[in-house]
Amino acid sequence: MSRSHPLEDDLTRCVDELRAALAVHGITLPSLRVDPLTFAGAYAPSAGLVALGSCNTATVRALTSALRKAASA
């Protein structure tokens, strides 16, 4: 059984928190995930990245609207 990397655990929590925060606004990014390839690099420490993925224009507009409302609050 392999042990996960602490950074990967943190990134996974970040992804879960972002997914939940987006859901509050009715926004879903289906491809939102930790990018596992960022842990395969030869450089230390591993940077680890979150893949936000692709989305349609309706999702982009909803995300933009939610961010603008949050900025003006």
Protein backbone atom coordinates (compact mmCIF):
# COMPACT_ATOMS: atom_id res chain seq x y z
CA MET A 1 0.00 0.00 0.00
CA SER A 2 1.49 3.36 -1.00
CA ARG A 3 1.31 6.40 1.19
CA SER A 4 0.12 9.63 -0.36
CA HIS A 5 2.28 12.72 -0.50
CA PRO A 6 1.36 15.46 2.07
CA LEU A 7 1.22 18.05 -0.70
CA GLU A 8 -1.14 15.82 -2.67
CA ASP A 9 -3.37 15.50 0.39
CA ASP A 10 -3.41 19.29 0.75
CA LEU A 11 -4.18 19.78 -2.94
CA THR A 12 -6.99 17.24 -2.71
CA ARG A 13 -8.50 19.19 0.20
CA CYS A 14 -8.15 22.41 -1.80
CA VAL A 15 -9.94 20.84 -4.76
CA ASP A 16 -12.74 19.57 -2.51
CA GLU A 17 -13.11 23.02 -0.91
CA LEU A 18 -13.17 24.75 -4.30
CA ARG A 19 -15.72 22.25 -5.62
CA ALA A 20 -17.95 22.91 -2.59
CA ALA A 21 -17.56 26.70 -2.88
CA LEU A 22 -18.47 26.59 -6.57
CA ALA A 23 -21.46 24.36 -5.85
CA VAL A 24 -22.88 27.03 -3.52
CA HIS A 25 -23.16 29.20 -6.64
CA GLY A 26 -24.50 26.38 -8.81
CA ILE A 27 -21.20 26.06 -10.67
CA THR A 28 -19.64 22.72 -11.59
CA LEU A 29 -16.24 22.24 -13.20
CA PRO A 30 -16.41 18.57 -14.22
CA SER A 31 -12.67 18.32 -14.88
CA LEU A 32 -11.60 19.92 -11.57
CA ARG A 33 -8.92 17.67 -10.08
CA VAL A 34 -5.39 17.37 -8.77
CA ASP A 35 -3.03 17.00 -11.72
CA PRO A 36 -1.14 13.80 -10.87
CA LEU A 37 1.55 14.40 -13.49
CA THR A 38 2.89 17.34 -11.48
CA PHE A 39 4.10 14.82 -8.88
CA ALA A 40 6.10 12.84 -11.45
CA GLY A 41 8.70 15.51 -12.06
CA ALA A 42 12.37 15.23 -11.20
CA TYR A 43 12.47 18.56 -9.37
CA ALA A 44 12.17 18.75 -5.60
CA PRO A 45 10.02 19.81 -3.98
CA SER A 46 7.12 18.83 -6.20
CA ALA A 47 4.97 21.85 -7.01
CA GLY A 48 1.65 20.06 -7.46
CA LEU A 49 -1.00 21.74 -9.57
CA VAL A 50 -4.78 21.78 -9.69
CA ALA A 51 -6.32 21.23 -13.12
CA LEU A 52 -9.38 23.44 -13.44
CA GLY A 53 -10.33 21.86 -16.75
CA SER A 54 -12.47 23.05 -19.59
CA CYS A 55 -15.94 24.51 -19.26
CA ASN A 56 -18.62 25.95 -21.48
CA THR A 57 -19.51 29.63 -21.82
CA ALA A 58 -22.47 29.35 -19.42
CA THR A 59 -20.12 28.10 -16.70
CA VAL A 60 -17.58 30.85 -17.46
CA ARG A 61 -20.32 33.47 -17.17
CA ALA A 62 -21.61 32.00 -13.91
CA LEU A 63 -18.10 31.91 -12.46
CA THR A 64 -17.41 35.48 -13.59
CA SER A 65 -20.67 36.67 -12.05
CA ALA A 66 -19.96 34.94 -8.73
CA LEU A 67 -16.47 36.44 -8.57
CA ARG A 68 -17.75 39.93 -9.37
CA LYS A 69 -20.46 39.68 -6.71
CA ALA A 70 -17.91 38.51 -4.14
CA ALA A 71 -15.54 41.35 -5.06
CA SER A 72 -18.21 44.00 -4.62
CA ALA A 73 -19.45 42.63 -1.27
